[in-house]
Amino acid sequence: MNTARIVALAFVLAATASAASAQSPLTRAQVIAETHAAQLAGDIPHGDLDISARHPGGDVHPAADAGATLTRAEVKTELASAIAAGSLPTGDIGRTLAEVEPQRYPHAAQAPVLTRAQVRAEAAQAVRDGDVQVGDTGETLAQLNPQRYAAARVRDGESRVAM
């Protein structure tokens, strides 16, 4: 039995060797020529920054290689408006200039503030319609008891059903 295994192994090795020689690997001269051509074309990166003939300054962010979508004038205009508004980040924390020195920059327009009476009216409306959350689940009273608040919603002219 051992002889049969040895013969089978020899046959497999012979078949593998003949298949490998049929593929004809590149010679040393061919590999050197391809490497030299790639170096001349700038296709071989050098180190982590990929400093090559194609990227002499290094290519830290290869995805940013896309073409520019804004003109120089548009970029200058955006920069000037960002400087005027104080929206440029400064320092390592990432705070903007307007956050660091708010007295130097105009304040952003604030949304209109509701009066106390308006807030109380909205709160009463929410209680009446069952839009107040109950418990830790985040469900409203109208979701828990839709039949109880359906009449109030119809009376107020709302066609929606509590979900």
Protein backbone atom coordinates (compact mmCIF):
# COMPACT_ATOMS: atom_id res chain seq x y z
CA MET A 1 0.00 0.00 0.00
CA ASN A 2 2.85 2.34 0.71
CA THR A 3 4.18 1.87 -2.79
CA ALA A 4 0.80 2.80 -4.26
CA ARG A 5 0.76 6.01 -2.24
CA ILE A 6 4.31 6.85 -3.28
CA VAL A 7 3.51 6.26 -6.94
CA ALA A 8 0.36 8.41 -6.67
CA LEU A 9 2.32 11.17 -4.93
CA ALA A 10 5.02 11.04 -7.61
CA PHE A 11 2.36 11.26 -10.31
CA VAL A 12 0.74 14.32 -8.64
CA LEU A 13 4.12 16.03 -8.25
CA ALA A 14 4.97 15.40 -11.89
CA ALA A 15 1.63 16.83 -13.04
CA THR A 16 2.08 19.90 -10.85
CA ALA A 17 5.59 20.51 -12.14
CA SER A 18 4.49 20.24 -15.76
CA ALA A 19 1.58 22.66 -15.14
CA ALA A 20 3.90 25.14 -13.43
CA SER A 21 6.36 25.09 -16.30
CA ALA A 22 3.51 25.61 -18.79
CA GLN A 23 2.62 28.97 -17.16
CA SER A 24 6.11 30.34 -17.98
CA PRO A 25 6.83 32.77 -15.12
CA LEU A 26 8.49 36.10 -15.85
CA THR A 27 12.22 36.17 -16.10
CA ARG A 28 14.36 38.37 -13.85
CA ALA A 29 15.00 40.76 -16.74
CA GLN A 30 11.26 41.13 -17.42
CA VAL A 31 10.51 41.87 -13.75
CA ILE A 32 13.30 44.49 -13.63
CA ALA A 33 12.00 46.11 -16.84
CA GLU A 34 8.42 46.28 -15.51
CA THR A 35 9.60 47.71 -12.19
CA HIS A 36 11.70 50.35 -13.95
CA ALA A 37 8.73 51.33 -16.17
CA ALA A 38 6.46 51.64 -13.11
CA GLN A 39 9.04 53.82 -11.35
CA LEU A 40 9.28 56.11 -14.36
CA ALA A 41 5.49 56.34 -14.55
CA GLY A 42 5.29 57.19 -10.82
CA ASP A 43 3.14 54.17 -10.00
CA ILE A 44 5.23 52.84 -7.11
CA PRO A 45 4.50 54.54 -3.76
CA HIS A 46 7.34 55.40 -1.41
CA GLY A 47 6.39 55.20 2.27
CA ASP A 48 3.18 56.12 4.01
CA LEU A 49 2.79 59.47 2.24
CA ASP A 50 3.08 57.96 -1.27
CA ILE A 51 5.78 60.37 -2.36
CA SER A 52 6.37 59.51 -5.99
CA ALA A 53 6.83 61.19 -9.34
CA ARG A 54 3.06 61.42 -9.67
CA HIS A 55 2.64 62.90 -6.16
CA PRO A 56 5.88 64.75 -5.33
CA GLY A 57 4.39 66.37 -2.21
CA GLY A 58 2.88 63.13 -0.99
CA ASP A 59 -0.68 61.93 -1.22
CA VAL A 60 -2.06 61.80 2.31
CA HIS A 61 -5.71 61.84 1.22
CA PRO A 62 -6.06 60.12 -2.15
CA ALA A 63 -9.86 60.47 -2.20
CA ALA A 64 -9.49 64.27 -2.21
CA ASP A 65 -7.91 64.09 -5.67
CA ALA A 66 -11.26 64.87 -7.32
CA GLY A 67 -11.43 67.95 -9.52
CA ALA A 68 -12.33 71.30 -7.99
CA THR A 69 -16.02 72.16 -8.17
CA LEU A 70 -15.72 75.82 -7.14
CA THR A 71 -13.85 78.56 -8.92
CA ARG A 72 -11.16 80.56 -7.17
CA ALA A 73 -13.46 83.58 -6.96
CA GLU A 74 -16.22 81.51 -5.33
CA VAL A 75 -13.80 80.12 -2.76
CA LYS A 76 -12.51 83.61 -1.97
CA THR A 77 -16.08 84.87 -1.55
CA GLU A 78 -16.97 82.00 0.80
CA LEU A 79 -13.81 82.60 2.83
CA ALA A 80 -14.54 86.31 3.17
CA SER A 81 -18.09 85.65 4.35
CA ALA A 82 -16.86 83.01 6.82
CA ILE A 83 -14.28 85.44 8.22
CA ALA A 84 -16.91 88.17 8.53
CA ALA A 85 -19.33 85.82 10.30
CA GLY A 86 -16.62 84.33 12.54
CA SER A 87 -17.47 80.80 11.51
CA LEU A 88 -13.87 79.67 10.95
CA PRO A 89 -12.66 77.08 13.47
CA THR A 90 -9.70 78.09 15.58
CA GLY A 91 -7.34 76.14 17.79
CA ASP A 92 -7.37 72.45 18.58
CA ILE A 93 -10.80 72.38 20.21
CA GLY A 94 -12.65 73.32 17.05
CA ARG A 95 -14.48 76.34 18.43
CA THR A 96 -15.23 79.09 15.94
CA LEU A 97 -13.94 82.63 16.18
CA ALA A 98 -17.45 83.85 17.02
CA GLU A 99 -17.55 81.43 19.98
CA VAL A 100 -14.12 82.50 21.23
CA GLU A 101 -14.69 86.26 20.85
CA PRO A 102 -18.45 86.86 20.56
CA GLN A 103 -18.13 90.62 21.09
CA ARG A 104 -16.32 90.98 17.74
CA TYR A 105 -18.99 89.29 15.63
CA PRO A 106 -22.67 90.05 15.09
CA HIS A 107 -25.11 87.78 16.86
CA ALA A 108 -27.23 85.47 14.78
CA ALA A 109 -30.89 86.39 14.57
CA GLN A 110 -32.86 84.41 17.12
CA ALA A 111 -36.17 82.77 16.45
CA PRO A 112 -39.22 84.65 17.70
CA VAL A 113 -39.89 83.85 21.33
CA LEU A 114 -43.33 82.74 22.47
CA THR A 115 -45.01 84.63 25.26
CA ARG A 116 -45.86 82.92 28.53
CA ALA A 117 -49.55 82.90 27.60
CA GLN A 118 -48.81 81.23 24.24
CA VAL A 119 -46.73 78.51 25.90
CA ARG A 120 -49.47 77.86 28.46
CA ALA A 121 -52.08 77.66 25.68
CA GLU A 122 -49.94 75.16 23.73
CA ALA A 123 -49.40 73.04 26.85
CA ALA A 124 -53.15 72.99 27.58
CA GLN A 125 -53.86 72.02 23.97
CA ALA A 126 -51.32 69.17 24.20
CA VAL A 127 -52.93 67.85 27.39
CA ARG A 128 -56.40 68.14 25.85
CA ASP A 129 -55.29 66.28 22.69
CA GLY A 130 -53.30 63.65 24.59
CA ASP A 131 -49.95 64.69 23.08
CA VAL A 132 -48.18 64.47 26.45
CA GLN A 133 -45.69 61.63 26.83
CA VAL A 134 -46.28 59.19 29.64
CA GLY A 135 -43.62 57.02 31.28
CA ASP A 136 -40.32 55.87 29.89
CA THR A 137 -41.65 54.40 26.65
CA GLY A 138 -42.19 57.77 24.97
CA GLU A 139 -45.80 57.00 24.07
CA THR A 140 -48.39 59.72 24.39
CA LEU A 141 -51.73 59.49 26.15
CA ALA A 142 -53.47 59.56 22.77
CA GLN A 143 -51.44 56.56 21.65
CA LEU A 144 -52.29 54.64 24.79
CA ASN A 145 -56.01 55.63 24.80
CA PRO A 146 -56.99 56.69 21.26
CA GLN A 147 -60.74 56.38 21.89
CA ARG A 148 -60.54 58.91 24.75
CA TYR A 149 -58.90 61.66 22.66
CA ALA A 150 -60.60 61.08 19.30
CA ALA A 151 -63.51 63.39 20.09
CA ALA A 152 -61.17 66.22 21.17
CA ARG A 153 -59.22 65.91 17.94
CA VAL A 154 -62.39 66.01 15.83
CA ARG A 155 -63.65 69.02 17.84
CA ASP A 156 -60.36 70.85 17.23
CA GLY A 157 -60.60 70.16 13.51
CA GLU A 158 -57.72 67.72 13.33
CA SER A 159 -58.17 64.83 10.96
CA ARG A 160 -55.11 62.90 12.03
CA VAL A 161 -55.25 59.90 14.29
CA ALA A 162 -52.79 59.54 17.16
CA MET A 163 -50.01 57.15 16.18
